[in-house]
N, C-alpha and C. Protein backbone atom coordinates (compact mmCIF):
# COMPACT_ATOMS: atom_id res chain seq x y z
N MET A 1 -24.09 -15.83 63.45
CA MET A 1 -25.01 -15.08 62.19
C MET A 1 -26.11 -15.92 62.35
N PRO A 2 -27.26 -15.78 62.30
CA PRO A 2 -27.85 -16.93 61.88
C PRO A 2 -28.26 -17.24 59.96
N PHE A 3 -28.95 -17.85 60.02
CA PHE A 3 -28.76 -19.18 58.68
C PHE A 3 -29.96 -18.41 58.33
N PRO A 4 -30.23 -17.79 56.90
CA PRO A 4 -29.18 -17.80 55.96
C PRO A 4 -28.27 -16.53 56.34
N HIS A 5 -27.31 -16.11 56.09
CA HIS A 5 -26.82 -14.62 55.83
C HIS A 5 -25.45 -15.08 54.69
N VAL A 6 -25.32 -13.85 54.23
CA VAL A 6 -25.01 -13.64 52.93
C VAL A 6 -23.64 -12.66 53.29
N LEU A 7 -22.38 -13.85 53.10
CA LEU A 7 -21.22 -12.44 53.46
C LEU A 7 -21.09 -11.18 53.10
N GLY A 8 -20.29 -10.79 53.21
CA GLY A 8 -20.15 -9.23 52.31
C GLY A 8 -20.56 -8.23 52.92
N ASN A 9 -19.24 -7.02 53.07
CA ASN A 9 -19.61 -5.99 53.26
C ASN A 9 -19.30 -4.42 52.42
N ASP A 10 -18.10 -4.77 51.55
CA ASP A 10 -17.93 -3.59 50.67
C ASP A 10 -18.42 -4.28 49.25
N PHE A 11 -18.46 -3.11 48.41
CA PHE A 11 -19.50 -3.69 47.00
C PHE A 11 -19.59 -1.99 46.54
N ALA A 12 -19.14 -2.79 44.82
CA ALA A 12 -19.61 -1.73 43.77
C ALA A 12 -20.95 -2.64 42.79
N GLY A 13 -21.67 -1.67 41.94
CA GLY A 13 -22.43 -2.17 40.99
C GLY A 13 -23.35 -1.29 40.96
N THR A 14 -24.33 -1.39 40.30
CA THR A 14 -25.67 -0.62 39.40
C THR A 14 -27.04 -0.63 40.53
N VAL A 15 -27.45 0.12 40.23
CA VAL A 15 -28.82 0.47 41.41
C VAL A 15 -30.03 -0.03 40.19
N THR A 16 -30.80 -1.40 40.69
CA THR A 16 -31.35 -1.65 39.67
C THR A 16 -32.77 -1.70 40.42
N GLU A 17 -33.13 -0.90 41.71
CA GLU A 17 -34.63 -0.68 41.88
C GLU A 17 -34.40 0.06 43.04
N VAL A 18 -35.40 1.25 43.39
CA VAL A 18 -35.19 2.04 44.86
C VAL A 18 -36.74 1.85 45.44
N GLY A 19 -36.42 2.03 46.34
CA GLY A 19 -37.85 1.69 47.70
C GLY A 19 -38.35 3.25 47.44
N ASP A 20 -39.86 3.20 47.76
CA ASP A 20 -40.64 4.15 48.03
C ASP A 20 -40.05 5.50 48.83
N GLY A 21 -39.80 6.56 48.64
CA GLY A 21 -39.44 7.58 49.01
C GLY A 21 -37.96 7.65 48.68
N VAL A 22 -37.48 7.08 47.83
CA VAL A 22 -35.92 7.18 47.86
C VAL A 22 -35.81 8.09 46.51
N THR A 23 -34.90 9.48 46.96
CA THR A 23 -34.93 10.63 46.06
C THR A 23 -33.49 10.36 46.26
N ALA A 24 -32.26 9.91 46.03
CA ALA A 24 -30.74 10.12 46.37
C ALA A 24 -30.08 9.09 45.29
N TYR A 25 -30.92 8.25 45.22
CA TYR A 25 -30.44 7.39 43.88
C TYR A 25 -31.68 7.04 42.67
N ALA A 26 -31.53 6.91 41.54
CA ALA A 26 -32.33 6.24 40.23
C ALA A 26 -31.43 5.51 39.69
N ILE A 27 -32.51 4.38 39.27
CA ILE A 27 -32.43 2.95 38.51
C ILE A 27 -31.43 3.45 37.59
N GLY A 28 -30.04 2.95 37.49
CA GLY A 28 -28.74 2.72 36.71
C GLY A 28 -27.52 3.51 37.11
N ASP A 29 -27.85 3.90 38.28
CA ASP A 29 -27.05 4.45 39.00
C ASP A 29 -26.14 3.70 39.73
N GLU A 30 -24.69 4.08 38.88
CA GLU A 30 -23.52 3.15 39.54
C GLU A 30 -23.01 3.91 41.04
N VAL A 31 -22.81 2.73 41.90
CA VAL A 31 -22.96 3.05 43.00
C VAL A 31 -21.92 2.43 43.56
N PHE A 32 -20.68 2.27 45.53
CA PHE A 32 -20.25 1.62 45.70
C PHE A 32 -20.13 2.12 47.00
N GLY A 33 -19.80 0.96 48.63
CA GLY A 33 -20.19 1.35 49.81
C GLY A 33 -19.56 0.39 50.37
N HIS A 34 -20.35 0.37 51.56
CA HIS A 34 -19.95 -0.19 52.84
C HIS A 34 -20.94 -0.72 53.72
N GLU A 35 -21.23 -1.61 53.84
CA GLU A 35 -22.90 -1.76 54.84
C GLU A 35 -22.38 -3.10 55.80
N VAL A 36 -23.25 -2.78 56.93
CA VAL A 36 -23.33 -4.02 57.71
C VAL A 36 -24.22 -5.16 57.63
N PRO A 37 -23.73 -6.13 57.75
CA PRO A 37 -25.08 -7.40 57.72
C PRO A 37 -26.21 -7.03 58.54
N ARG A 38 -27.28 -7.17 58.12
CA ARG A 38 -28.33 -7.13 58.98
C ARG A 38 -28.71 -7.60 60.18
N ALA A 39 -28.39 -8.93 60.21
CA ALA A 39 -28.26 -9.62 61.67
C ALA A 39 -27.29 -9.12 62.70
N MET A 40 -25.80 -7.71 62.50
CA MET A 40 -25.45 -7.16 63.37
C MET A 40 -26.13 -5.88 63.83
N GLY A 41 -27.04 -5.56 63.14
CA GLY A 41 -27.99 -3.96 63.24
C GLY A 41 -28.06 -3.88 64.85
N GLY A 42 -28.73 -4.43 65.44
CA GLY A 42 -28.63 -4.80 67.51
C GLY A 42 -27.54 -4.32 68.06
N MET A 43 -26.79 -4.68 67.39
CA MET A 43 -25.18 -4.78 68.02
C MET A 43 -24.47 -3.26 67.78
N LEU A 44 -24.88 -2.29 66.98
CA LEU A 44 -24.46 -1.19 66.43
C LEU A 44 -25.01 -0.23 67.46
N PRO A 45 -24.00 0.66 68.31
CA PRO A 45 -24.59 1.74 69.48
C PRO A 45 -25.51 3.15 68.67
N ILE A 46 -25.61 3.32 67.09
CA ILE A 46 -27.02 4.03 66.43
C ILE A 46 -28.19 3.12 66.35
N ALA A 47 -29.37 4.36 66.53
CA ALA A 47 -30.11 3.42 65.85
C ALA A 47 -30.99 3.22 64.99
N ARG A 48 -29.98 4.03 63.91
CA ARG A 48 -30.49 3.05 62.20
C ARG A 48 -28.92 3.27 62.03
N PRO A 49 -28.64 1.66 61.79
CA PRO A 49 -27.28 1.97 61.40
C PRO A 49 -27.25 1.75 59.86
N SER A 50 -26.40 1.32 59.02
CA SER A 50 -25.90 1.41 57.38
C SER A 50 -26.54 -0.17 57.39
N LEU A 51 -27.60 -0.76 56.67
CA LEU A 51 -27.27 -2.23 56.78
C LEU A 51 -27.31 -2.93 55.68
N THR A 52 -27.44 -4.06 55.23
CA THR A 52 -27.49 -4.79 54.18
C THR A 52 -27.73 -5.98 54.06
N THR A 53 -28.55 -6.71 53.09
CA THR A 53 -28.65 -8.16 53.10
C THR A 53 -27.12 -9.32 52.55
N GLY A 54 -26.02 -8.59 52.71
CA GLY A 54 -24.84 -9.00 52.20
C GLY A 54 -24.52 -8.66 51.23
N THR A 55 -22.96 -8.63 50.59
CA THR A 55 -22.77 -7.75 49.36
C THR A 55 -21.93 -8.69 48.63
N LEU A 56 -22.15 -10.11 49.12
CA LEU A 56 -21.48 -11.19 48.08
C LEU A 56 -22.40 -12.17 47.89
N ALA A 57 -23.68 -11.03 46.18
CA ALA A 57 -24.28 -11.51 45.93
C ALA A 57 -24.57 -10.72 44.66
N GLU A 58 -25.28 -11.27 43.72
CA GLU A 58 -25.31 -10.64 42.29
C GLU A 58 -26.29 -9.65 42.48
N PHE A 59 -27.59 -9.87 43.81
CA PHE A 59 -28.09 -8.07 44.35
C PHE A 59 -28.28 -8.32 45.58
N ALA A 60 -28.08 -7.08 45.88
CA ALA A 60 -28.33 -6.83 47.68
C ALA A 60 -29.07 -6.08 47.64
N VAL A 61 -29.65 -5.73 49.08
CA VAL A 61 -30.36 -4.76 49.31
C VAL A 61 -29.77 -2.89 50.23
N PHE A 62 -29.69 -2.47 50.13
CA PHE A 62 -29.32 -1.39 50.41
C PHE A 62 -29.92 0.16 51.61
N GLU A 63 -29.39 0.00 52.27
CA GLU A 63 -29.75 1.44 53.18
C GLU A 63 -29.68 2.75 52.29
N ALA A 64 -30.34 3.50 52.07
CA ALA A 64 -29.98 4.55 50.82
C ALA A 64 -29.79 6.01 51.61
N ASP A 65 -29.91 5.98 52.49
CA ASP A 65 -30.05 7.43 53.06
C ASP A 65 -28.97 7.30 54.46
N THR A 66 -27.81 6.74 54.17
CA THR A 66 -26.49 6.38 54.96
C THR A 66 -25.12 7.24 54.29
N PRO A 67 -23.85 7.85 54.87
CA PRO A 67 -22.85 8.20 54.60
C PRO A 67 -22.21 7.12 53.44
N PHE A 68 -22.33 5.85 53.89
CA PHE A 68 -21.79 4.56 53.41
C PHE A 68 -22.35 4.12 52.00
N VAL A 69 -22.72 5.25 51.62
CA VAL A 69 -23.03 4.36 50.11
C VAL A 69 -23.12 5.72 49.36
N ALA A 70 -22.41 6.00 47.94
CA ALA A 70 -22.06 6.81 47.24
C ALA A 70 -22.41 6.76 45.59
N ARG A 71 -22.35 8.02 45.13
CA ARG A 71 -22.34 7.09 43.52
C ARG A 71 -21.17 7.19 43.44
N ARG A 72 -20.65 6.15 42.53
CA ARG A 72 -19.08 5.54 42.03
C ARG A 72 -18.66 7.02 40.97
N PRO A 73 -17.48 8.06 41.18
CA PRO A 73 -17.50 8.44 39.84
C PRO A 73 -16.73 7.70 38.52
N PRO A 74 -17.40 8.67 37.43
CA PRO A 74 -16.81 7.75 36.78
C PRO A 74 -15.10 7.28 36.33
N GLU A 75 -14.39 7.86 36.88
CA GLU A 75 -12.95 7.68 36.81
C GLU A 75 -12.76 6.81 37.75
N LEU A 76 -13.27 6.27 38.41
CA LEU A 76 -12.97 5.17 39.96
C LEU A 76 -13.49 3.83 39.51
N ASP A 77 -12.76 2.68 39.00
CA ASP A 77 -12.64 1.61 38.64
C ASP A 77 -13.67 0.95 39.13
N VAL A 78 -14.56 -0.02 38.83
CA VAL A 78 -15.75 -1.28 39.71
C VAL A 78 -14.51 -1.61 40.48
N VAL A 79 -13.57 -2.47 39.76
CA VAL A 79 -12.83 -3.21 41.05
C VAL A 79 -12.24 -2.12 42.01
N VAL A 80 -11.53 -1.48 41.77
CA VAL A 80 -11.19 -0.40 42.81
C VAL A 80 -12.08 -0.23 43.96
N ALA A 81 -13.30 0.34 43.04
CA ALA A 81 -14.43 1.04 44.13
C ALA A 81 -14.66 -0.21 44.82
N ALA A 82 -14.92 -1.72 44.61
CA ALA A 82 -15.24 -2.08 45.06
C ALA A 82 -14.33 -2.77 46.38
N ALA A 83 -12.70 -2.50 45.93
CA ALA A 83 -12.18 -3.08 46.68
C ALA A 83 -12.07 -1.65 48.31
N LEU A 84 -12.35 -0.68 47.72
CA LEU A 84 -12.06 0.46 48.65
C LEU A 84 -12.87 0.78 50.15
N PRO A 85 -13.72 0.66 50.24
CA PRO A 85 -14.76 1.46 51.25
C PRO A 85 -13.96 1.14 52.62
N THR A 86 -14.10 -0.41 53.10
CA THR A 86 -13.57 -0.44 54.50
C THR A 86 -12.33 0.14 54.40
N VAL A 87 -11.04 -0.31 53.59
CA VAL A 87 -10.22 0.26 54.12
C VAL A 87 -9.78 1.76 53.89
N GLY A 88 -10.78 2.13 52.82
CA GLY A 88 -10.91 3.64 52.93
C GLY A 88 -11.46 4.31 53.93
N LEU A 89 -12.20 3.75 54.27
CA LEU A 89 -12.95 4.36 55.57
C LEU A 89 -11.78 4.74 57.26
N THR A 90 -11.18 3.53 57.13
CA THR A 90 -10.55 3.02 58.12
C THR A 90 -9.31 4.22 58.02
N ALA A 91 -8.96 3.99 56.65
CA ALA A 91 -7.86 5.09 56.82
C ALA A 91 -8.10 6.57 57.18
N ASN A 92 -9.23 6.95 56.82
CA ASN A 92 -9.48 8.47 56.60
C ASN A 92 -9.80 8.53 58.40
N ALA A 93 -10.31 6.98 59.09
CA ALA A 93 -10.69 7.58 60.40
C ALA A 93 -9.31 7.58 61.08
N ILE A 94 -8.25 6.74 60.73
CA ILE A 94 -7.03 6.84 61.22
C ILE A 94 -6.49 7.97 61.29
N VAL A 95 -6.58 8.77 60.00
CA VAL A 95 -5.86 10.10 60.05
C VAL A 95 -6.53 11.16 61.14
N ALA A 96 -8.03 11.09 60.55
CA ALA A 96 -8.25 12.07 61.46
C ALA A 96 -8.26 11.72 62.75
N THR A 97 -8.11 11.01 63.48
CA THR A 97 -8.10 10.41 64.55
C THR A 97 -6.83 10.74 64.96
N ALA A 98 -5.61 10.58 64.27
CA ALA A 98 -4.61 10.39 64.84
C ALA A 98 -3.49 12.04 64.61
N LYS A 99 -4.24 12.78 63.95
CA LYS A 99 -4.13 14.42 63.67
C LYS A 99 -2.54 14.10 63.00
N ILE A 100 -2.27 13.36 61.87
CA ILE A 100 -1.34 13.09 61.46
C ILE A 100 -0.76 14.59 60.30
N ARG A 101 0.05 15.09 60.72
CA ARG A 101 -0.02 16.52 60.18
C ARG A 101 1.65 15.64 59.12
N ALA A 102 1.12 16.84 57.85
CA ALA A 102 1.88 16.89 56.52
C ALA A 102 3.53 17.00 57.12
N GLY A 103 4.19 15.62 56.76
CA GLY A 103 5.66 15.59 57.09
C GLY A 103 6.14 15.01 58.33
N GLU A 104 5.31 14.52 58.86
CA GLU A 104 5.59 13.48 59.69
C GLU A 104 5.51 11.52 59.29
N LYS A 105 6.07 11.75 60.08
CA LYS A 105 6.53 9.73 60.18
C LYS A 105 5.60 9.01 61.06
N VAL A 106 5.06 7.83 60.28
CA VAL A 106 3.91 7.29 61.29
C VAL A 106 4.36 5.46 61.32
N LEU A 107 4.24 4.66 62.25
CA LEU A 107 4.58 3.41 62.23
C LEU A 107 2.90 2.92 62.06
N VAL A 108 2.57 1.95 60.95
CA VAL A 108 1.46 1.42 61.74
C VAL A 108 1.77 -0.14 61.39
N ILE A 109 1.51 -0.69 62.51
CA ILE A 109 2.09 -2.53 62.30
C ILE A 109 0.87 -3.16 62.77
N GLY A 110 0.75 -4.08 61.39
CA GLY A 110 -0.17 -5.46 61.61
C GLY A 110 -1.57 -4.42 61.09
N ALA A 111 -1.07 -3.68 59.61
CA ALA A 111 -2.33 -2.82 59.08
C ALA A 111 -2.52 -3.40 57.39
N THR A 112 -2.29 -4.73 56.97
CA THR A 112 -2.26 -5.61 56.02
C THR A 112 -3.01 -6.09 55.44
N GLY A 113 -4.73 -6.41 56.72
CA GLY A 113 -5.67 -6.69 56.77
C GLY A 113 -6.92 -6.06 56.57
N GLY A 114 -7.32 -4.37 56.44
CA GLY A 114 -8.13 -3.78 56.19
C GLY A 114 -8.48 -3.40 57.88
N LEU A 115 -9.58 -3.10 57.78
CA LEU A 115 -10.37 -3.08 59.37
C LEU A 115 -9.97 -3.83 60.30
N TYR A 116 -9.74 -5.18 60.32
CA TYR A 116 -9.94 -6.20 61.18
C TYR A 116 -8.49 -5.68 61.85
N SER A 117 -7.97 -5.19 61.11
CA SER A 117 -5.83 -5.16 61.73
C SER A 117 -5.67 -4.19 62.32
N ILE A 118 -6.81 -3.52 62.71
CA ILE A 118 -6.59 -2.26 63.81
C ILE A 118 -7.18 -2.48 65.20
N THR A 119 -8.09 -3.69 65.13
CA THR A 119 -9.11 -4.10 66.36
C THR A 119 -8.02 -5.41 67.29
N PHE A 120 -6.60 -4.68 67.36
CA PHE A 120 -5.91 -5.21 68.58
C PHE A 120 -5.95 -4.99 69.90
N PRO A 121 -5.61 -5.88 70.80
CA PRO A 121 -5.93 -4.86 72.12
C PRO A 121 -3.91 -4.61 72.54
N PRO A 122 -4.11 -3.70 73.18
CA PRO A 122 -3.33 -2.84 73.76
C PRO A 122 -2.69 -3.60 74.41
N PRO A 123 -1.06 -3.18 74.17
CA PRO A 123 0.38 -4.61 75.08
C PRO A 123 0.09 -4.26 76.47
N LYS A 124 0.20 -5.58 77.29
CA LYS A 124 0.45 -5.51 78.82
C LYS A 124 1.64 -5.59 78.75
N PRO A 125 2.07 -5.25 79.98
CA PRO A 125 1.59 -4.30 80.71
C PRO A 125 2.09 -2.91 79.91
N ALA A 126 1.13 -1.84 80.18
CA ALA A 126 0.79 -0.65 79.11
C ALA A 126 1.90 0.07 78.92
N ARG A 127 2.43 0.38 77.81
CA ARG A 127 3.16 1.42 77.71
C ARG A 127 3.00 2.74 77.08
N LEU A 128 4.27 3.84 78.02
CA LEU A 128 3.88 5.18 77.40
C LEU A 128 3.68 5.81 75.61
N ASP A 129 4.64 4.77 75.75
CA ASP A 129 5.28 5.24 74.05
C ASP A 129 4.42 4.46 72.78
N ILE A 130 3.19 3.69 73.24
CA ILE A 130 2.37 3.70 72.64
C ILE A 130 1.12 3.63 72.38
N HIS A 131 0.29 4.21 71.24
CA HIS A 131 -0.94 4.41 71.92
C HIS A 131 -2.04 3.16 71.06
N ALA A 132 -2.81 2.71 71.47
CA ALA A 132 -3.80 2.13 70.75
C ALA A 132 -5.10 2.33 71.19
N GLU A 133 -6.05 2.38 69.85
CA GLU A 133 -7.38 2.93 69.70
C GLU A 133 -8.71 2.01 68.47
N LEU A 134 -9.30 1.78 69.02
CA LEU A 134 -10.36 1.44 68.31
C LEU A 134 -11.34 2.37 67.86
N ILE A 135 -11.45 2.63 66.51
CA ILE A 135 -11.92 3.88 65.28
C ILE A 135 -13.44 3.38 65.10
N LEU A 136 -14.41 3.25 65.70
CA LEU A 136 -15.17 2.69 64.86
C LEU A 136 -16.70 3.51 64.54
N ASP A 137 -16.72 4.08 63.50
CA ASP A 137 -17.50 5.62 62.86
C ASP A 137 -18.60 4.85 62.28
N THR A 138 -19.68 4.53 63.12
CA THR A 138 -20.61 3.76 62.49
C THR A 138 -22.04 5.19 62.07
N GLU A 139 -21.49 6.48 62.03
CA GLU A 139 -22.04 7.38 61.41
C GLU A 139 -21.63 8.12 60.88
N GLY A 140 -20.63 8.23 60.38
CA GLY A 140 -19.88 8.73 59.36
C GLY A 140 -19.59 9.92 59.50
N LYS A 141 -19.26 10.14 61.02
CA LYS A 141 -19.05 11.72 61.19
C LYS A 141 -17.22 11.89 60.93
N MET A 142 -16.47 11.04 60.13
CA MET A 142 -15.38 11.73 60.13
C MET A 142 -15.58 11.11 58.49
N GLY A 143 -16.11 11.28 57.81
CA GLY A 143 -16.32 11.49 56.30
C GLY A 143 -16.58 10.05 55.55
N GLY A 144 -17.48 9.80 54.53
CA GLY A 144 -18.69 8.87 53.95
C GLY A 144 -17.22 8.44 53.23
N VAL A 145 -18.19 7.27 52.41
CA VAL A 145 -17.80 6.47 50.90
C VAL A 145 -17.07 7.36 50.31
N GLN A 146 -17.73 8.63 50.02
CA GLN A 146 -17.48 9.64 49.01
C GLN A 146 -16.07 10.15 49.15
N GLN A 147 -15.81 10.32 50.19
CA GLN A 147 -14.17 10.75 50.78
C GLN A 147 -13.28 10.27 50.07
N THR A 148 -13.74 8.51 49.87
CA THR A 148 -12.79 7.09 50.10
C THR A 148 -12.62 7.25 48.07
N ALA A 149 -12.93 7.78 47.70
CA ALA A 149 -12.52 8.19 45.83
C ALA A 149 -11.31 7.92 45.30
N ALA A 150 -10.12 8.97 46.17
CA ALA A 150 -9.17 9.59 45.95
C ALA A 150 -8.15 8.47 46.37
N LEU A 151 -8.71 7.53 47.16
CA LEU A 151 -7.77 6.67 47.60
C LEU A 151 -7.51 5.68 46.74
N THR A 152 -6.42 4.38 46.86
CA THR A 152 -6.14 3.86 45.66
C THR A 152 -5.55 2.32 46.42
N PRO A 153 -6.49 1.39 47.06
CA PRO A 153 -6.17 -0.01 47.88
C PRO A 153 -5.70 -1.03 46.93
N ARG A 154 -4.56 -1.69 47.47
CA ARG A 154 -4.00 -2.82 47.18
C ARG A 154 -4.53 -3.92 47.18
N ILE A 155 -4.72 -4.20 45.59
CA ILE A 155 -5.74 -5.75 45.22
C ILE A 155 -4.98 -6.33 45.18
N ALA A 156 -5.01 -7.50 46.06
CA ALA A 156 -4.21 -9.07 46.31
C ALA A 156 -4.53 -9.72 45.02
N LYS A 157 -5.64 -9.64 44.54
CA LYS A 157 -6.46 -11.16 43.82
C LYS A 157 -7.62 -10.69 43.39
N ILE A 158 -7.90 -10.93 41.95
CA ILE A 158 -9.98 -10.70 41.72
C ILE A 158 -10.40 -12.26 41.31
N TYR A 159 -11.26 -12.73 42.27
CA TYR A 159 -12.14 -13.71 42.03
C TYR A 159 -12.91 -13.97 40.98
N SER A 160 -13.47 -14.62 39.90
CA SER A 160 -15.25 -14.47 39.40
C SER A 160 -16.06 -15.24 40.97
N MET A 161 -17.05 -14.56 40.35
CA MET A 161 -18.49 -15.48 41.07
C MET A 161 -18.26 -16.88 41.83
N SER A 162 -17.68 -17.61 40.56
CA SER A 162 -17.74 -19.03 40.78
C SER A 162 -16.52 -19.29 41.38
N GLU A 163 -15.83 -18.73 41.86
CA GLU A 163 -14.59 -18.87 42.66
C GLU A 163 -14.47 -18.40 44.14
N ALA A 164 -15.83 -17.71 44.33
CA ALA A 164 -15.94 -17.30 45.52
C ALA A 164 -15.73 -18.23 46.79
N PRO A 165 -15.94 -19.29 46.61
CA PRO A 165 -15.76 -20.02 47.76
C PRO A 165 -14.06 -20.35 48.15
N ALA A 166 -13.00 -20.26 47.01
CA ALA A 166 -11.76 -20.06 46.88
C ALA A 166 -11.61 -18.72 47.66
N ALA A 167 -11.75 -17.88 47.41
CA ALA A 167 -12.25 -16.37 47.73
C ALA A 167 -12.18 -16.13 49.64
N LEU A 168 -12.96 -16.96 49.84
CA LEU A 168 -13.20 -17.02 51.24
C LEU A 168 -12.61 -17.59 51.91
N SER A 169 -11.87 -18.97 51.18
CA SER A 169 -10.83 -20.20 52.37
C SER A 169 -9.61 -19.09 52.12
N ASP A 170 -8.74 -18.47 50.70
CA ASP A 170 -8.39 -17.41 51.22
C ASP A 170 -8.30 -16.34 52.25
N PHE A 171 -9.11 -15.91 52.03
CA PHE A 171 -9.45 -15.06 52.67
C PHE A 171 -9.59 -15.19 54.70
N THR A 172 -9.56 -16.43 54.73
CA THR A 172 -9.40 -17.38 56.29
C THR A 172 -7.96 -17.43 56.86
N HIS A 173 -7.54 -18.39 55.62
CA HIS A 173 -6.42 -19.41 55.37
C HIS A 173 -5.02 -18.37 55.49
N ARG A 174 -5.20 -17.70 54.44
CA ARG A 174 -3.77 -17.44 53.85
C ARG A 174 -3.94 -15.83 54.29
N HIS A 175 -2.32 -14.77 54.40
CA HIS A 175 -2.39 -13.68 54.89
C HIS A 175 -2.27 -12.88 53.29
N THR A 176 -3.09 -12.39 53.28
CA THR A 176 -3.08 -11.99 51.91
C THR A 176 -2.59 -9.95 51.82
N LEU A 177 -1.73 -9.59 51.09
CA LEU A 177 -1.29 -8.08 51.43
C LEU A 177 -2.65 -7.49 50.75
N GLY A 178 -3.63 -7.26 50.89
CA GLY A 178 -4.38 -6.42 49.94
C GLY A 178 -5.44 -6.99 49.58
N LYS A 179 -6.76 -6.33 49.15
CA LYS A 179 -7.88 -6.94 49.02
C LYS A 179 -8.42 -8.15 48.27
N LEU A 180 -9.54 -9.11 48.75
CA LEU A 180 -9.53 -9.75 47.59
C LEU A 180 -10.61 -9.56 47.17
N VAL A 181 -11.33 -9.17 45.42
CA VAL A 181 -12.63 -8.58 44.81
C VAL A 181 -13.13 -10.03 44.43
N VAL A 182 -14.61 -10.37 44.87
CA VAL A 182 -15.21 -11.35 43.81
C VAL A 182 -15.83 -10.55 42.74
N ARG A 183 -15.50 -10.88 41.56
CA ARG A 183 -16.49 -9.88 40.45
C ARG A 183 -17.37 -11.06 39.83
N LEU A 184 -18.49 -10.66 39.83
CA LEU A 184 -19.76 -11.14 39.20
C LEU A 184 -19.69 -11.09 37.09
N ALA A 185 -19.16 -10.52 37.10
CA ALA A 185 -18.83 -10.76 35.32
C ALA A 185 -17.54 -10.21 35.12
N PRO A 186 -16.67 -10.51 33.90
CA PRO A 186 -15.65 -10.24 33.64
C PRO A 186 -15.10 -8.89 33.06
């Protein structure tokens, strides 16, 4: 990623400004979502991906017309909302793609780290009893962030903004069972 690059994809916060022509959101709206860094925009297979300046920041800029930003329901805690988008979208996409029915038992191996836990190569030699598939729903066809609000992610640890370097170090060097959340204010 070219410098300067701001890390972070998932977020929850308050709208402080809206651009010309934006009618879906107003100043003061509580929102949450999942965004892709602008530097990755050209790599995605769609003309207008959901882009951001990065979410590990006090202020960030987001596309308004995307299924990956939604109003945060009042009953959804802000920390949970910040941890939810990537894992929630992934869980919804897996359930939709696998067509899991009530009562079925499913074994998911390696799904402790969010989205990146499902981007593994299929086993070699190929086995007929294993189905591996990468699901990249960049257009929200399997549902948007609003559909994740009823899910509950496991939060491993909450860091203050001054502890952000420790959060990034833990993300890189430790195998955490759950989401690491960086919070601006207590």
